[in-house]
Amino acid sequence: QVQPVESGGGSVQAGGSLRLSCAASRKPISSACIGWFRQTPGKEREGVAAIDGAGVTTYYSDSAKGRFTISRDSAKNTVYLQMNNLSPEDTAAYFCAARQQWFCRENFWSSTSEYNYWGQGTQVTVSS
């Protein structure tokens, strides 16, 4: 199984950037579809972006398109989420999740039920 571990969260001002990392242990990260999710108190966890095991196909939520980029570095066994032009609405706990299959399902990539293993999360706070 791919056990994700997130890092890279922090505080930033609006318009700034952060890069989150999702490091995998136990198995190569190329064996899994990896998704990034975020959650704020009282709300459901929402999908932000996903990338397949080959690093070829990526998916983004409408709020992430044009600002966030998901990528993978197989040599480092890590998936990244580069977040640019951040706004206070992006403030949330961000989670990395791994699916048992290497491919992501196009119509379901943002569903939490698609993923089998979750990291502990990393907090992102954007101030205005």
Protein backbone atom coordinates (compact mmCIF):
# COMPACT_ATOMS: atom_id res chain seq x y z
CA GLN A 1 0.00 0.00 0.00
CA VAL A 2 1.02 3.59 -0.61
CA GLN A 3 0.98 5.48 2.69
CA PRO A 4 0.92 9.23 2.03
CA VAL A 5 2.61 11.81 4.24
CA GLU A 6 1.94 15.50 3.59
CA SER A 7 4.20 18.46 4.23
CA GLY A 8 4.62 22.04 3.10
CA GLY A 9 1.64 23.77 4.65
CA GLY A 10 1.92 27.11 6.35
CA SER A 11 0.73 30.68 6.41
CA VAL A 12 0.90 33.03 3.45
CA GLN A 13 -0.64 36.30 2.39
CA ALA A 14 -3.23 36.52 -0.35
CA GLY A 15 -1.61 36.33 -3.77
CA GLY A 16 1.23 34.22 -2.46
CA SER A 17 2.26 30.66 -3.25
CA LEU A 18 2.85 27.41 -1.43
CA ARG A 19 3.98 23.98 -2.55
CA LEU A 20 2.61 20.96 -0.77
CA SER A 21 4.37 17.62 -0.89
CA CYS A 22 2.95 14.14 -0.60
CA ALA A 23 5.65 11.59 0.06
CA ALA A 24 4.87 7.93 -0.25
CA SER A 25 6.12 5.09 1.86
CA ARG A 26 5.85 1.31 1.51
CA LYS A 27 5.29 1.32 -2.28
CA PRO A 28 6.28 3.42 -5.29
CA ILE A 29 4.01 6.39 -5.73
CA SER A 30 3.79 5.55 -9.42
CA SER A 31 1.60 2.61 -8.46
CA ALA A 32 -1.23 4.84 -7.28
CA CYS A 33 -3.61 7.53 -8.37
CA ILE A 34 -2.93 10.38 -5.93
CA GLY A 35 -5.49 13.00 -4.98
CA TRP A 36 -5.29 16.22 -3.02
CA PHE A 37 -8.29 17.21 -0.93
CA ARG A 38 -9.04 20.03 1.43
CA GLN A 39 -11.42 20.51 4.29
CA THR A 40 -12.60 23.36 6.47
CA PRO A 41 -14.45 22.93 9.77
CA GLY A 42 -18.05 21.91 9.30
CA LYS A 43 -17.67 21.19 5.61
CA GLU A 44 -17.13 18.05 3.58
CA ARG A 45 -13.71 17.19 2.24
CA GLU A 46 -13.47 18.38 -1.36
CA GLY A 47 -11.24 17.22 -4.16
CA VAL A 48 -8.71 19.74 -5.42
CA ALA A 49 -6.56 17.81 -7.89
CA ALA A 50 -5.49 14.31 -8.82
CA ILE A 51 -2.79 12.66 -10.90
CA ASP A 52 -2.52 9.14 -12.22
CA GLY A 53 0.35 6.76 -11.58
CA ALA A 54 1.96 7.51 -14.92
CA GLY A 55 1.86 11.24 -14.26
CA VAL A 56 0.15 11.73 -17.60
CA THR A 57 -3.44 12.52 -16.68
CA THR A 58 -4.37 15.21 -14.20
CA TYR A 59 -7.66 16.50 -12.86
CA TYR A 60 -8.55 19.78 -11.19
CA SER A 61 -11.52 21.28 -9.45
CA ASP A 62 -12.92 24.45 -10.94
CA SER A 63 -11.46 26.48 -8.09
CA ALA A 64 -8.00 25.02 -8.67
CA LYS A 65 -7.81 25.32 -12.45
CA GLY A 66 -5.32 27.92 -13.59
CA ARG A 67 -3.86 28.40 -10.10
CA PHE A 68 -2.81 24.96 -8.86
CA THR A 69 -0.58 22.40 -10.54
CA ILE A 70 -0.24 18.79 -9.49
CA SER A 71 2.88 16.88 -10.49
CA ARG A 72 4.91 13.88 -9.48
CA ASP A 73 8.60 13.11 -9.09
CA SER A 74 9.01 9.37 -9.20
CA ALA A 75 12.68 9.59 -8.30
CA LYS A 76 11.68 11.25 -5.02
CA ASN A 77 8.52 9.16 -4.68
CA THR A 78 6.61 12.38 -4.16
CA VAL A 79 3.59 14.18 -5.57
CA TYR A 80 3.46 17.97 -5.38
CA LEU A 81 0.67 20.51 -5.36
CA GLN A 82 1.93 23.91 -6.43
CA MET A 83 -0.56 26.55 -5.36
CA ASN A 84 -0.29 30.06 -6.78
CA ASN A 85 -2.35 33.21 -6.36
CA LEU A 86 -3.79 31.96 -3.11
CA SER A 87 -6.82 33.59 -1.56
CA PRO A 88 -8.33 33.39 1.94
CA GLU A 89 -10.91 30.98 0.49
CA ASP A 90 -8.10 28.47 0.05
CA THR A 91 -7.56 28.29 3.79
CA ALA A 92 -8.10 24.67 4.81
CA ALA A 93 -6.49 21.48 5.97
CA TYR A 94 -5.07 19.76 2.90
CA PHE A 95 -4.94 16.00 2.64
CA CYS A 96 -3.16 13.66 0.29
CA ALA A 97 -4.82 10.36 -0.58
CA ALA A 98 -3.76 7.28 -2.50
CA ARG A 99 -5.91 4.93 -4.51
CA GLN A 100 -5.01 1.24 -4.75
CA GLN A 101 -5.12 1.44 -8.56
CA TRP A 102 -2.63 3.44 -10.61
CA PHE A 103 -5.36 5.08 -12.67
CA CYS A 104 -7.83 7.73 -11.54
CA ARG A 105 -11.43 7.45 -12.68
CA GLU A 106 -12.38 10.58 -14.56
CA ASN A 107 -15.86 10.99 -13.13
CA PHE A 108 -14.94 9.98 -9.60
CA TRP A 109 -11.47 11.37 -8.92
CA SER A 110 -12.81 13.97 -6.48
CA SER A 111 -14.80 11.48 -4.43
CA THR A 112 -13.23 10.55 -1.09
CA SER A 113 -14.57 7.01 -1.46
CA GLU A 114 -12.19 6.43 -4.39
CA TYR A 115 -9.15 6.52 -2.14
CA ASN A 116 -7.90 3.89 0.23
CA TYR A 117 -5.12 5.58 2.17
CA TRP A 118 -4.98 9.05 3.66
CA GLY A 119 -2.34 11.25 5.16
CA GLN A 120 -2.78 13.23 8.36
CA GLY A 121 -3.15 16.57 6.60
CA THR A 122 -1.28 19.85 6.54
CA GLN A 123 -2.78 23.24 7.32
CA VAL A 124 -2.77 26.08 4.80
CA THR A 125 -3.77 29.53 6.04
CA VAL A 126 -4.09 32.48 3.68
CA SER A 127 -4.53 35.91 5.16
CA SER A 128 -5.96 38.93 3.37
